[in-house]
Amino acid sequence: MAKGKIVAVVGEAAVRKTLEVGVAEDRDGTALAVRYTLQVLAEQAPGNTLEVRVPPFGAVQCVEGPGHTRGTPPNVVETDAATWLELATGALAWEAGVESGRVQASGSRASLAGILPVGWQRT
């Protein structure tokens, strides 16, 4: 059974709280914030060319282009929760995350440059 969509007001509150208290202080809140921002990413960049992983909290496929159906995807981005939330909210630039080694990106289409930050905050 597929998990339900996270409602914006709930997801955004989790992101704000996690940014305030830090990922180490509230595991459940961090999980919700990560899953919500991944959900927003998948909505804003639909497709299945790139798999974005934030273990152990979630993963999504996104970005238009050629996809895969079995095995390890050829284009993968992986990072920890703190780094992902910094990327998703614009506190960390994509290039800086990759250059610092905080983001592992493999594959010719493994880039979120120009896609991040996600539009998680509604007015």
Foldseek 3Di string as FASTA:
>chain_A
DDDDQDDLVLLLVLLVVCVVPHCVPDVVSLLSNLVNLQVLLCVQFPDAQEWEEAPPRDIDGGHHDDHDDDDDHQWYKYAYSVVSSCFQAVVDAQVRCVVVVRMDIGHPPHGCHVPPNGPSDDD
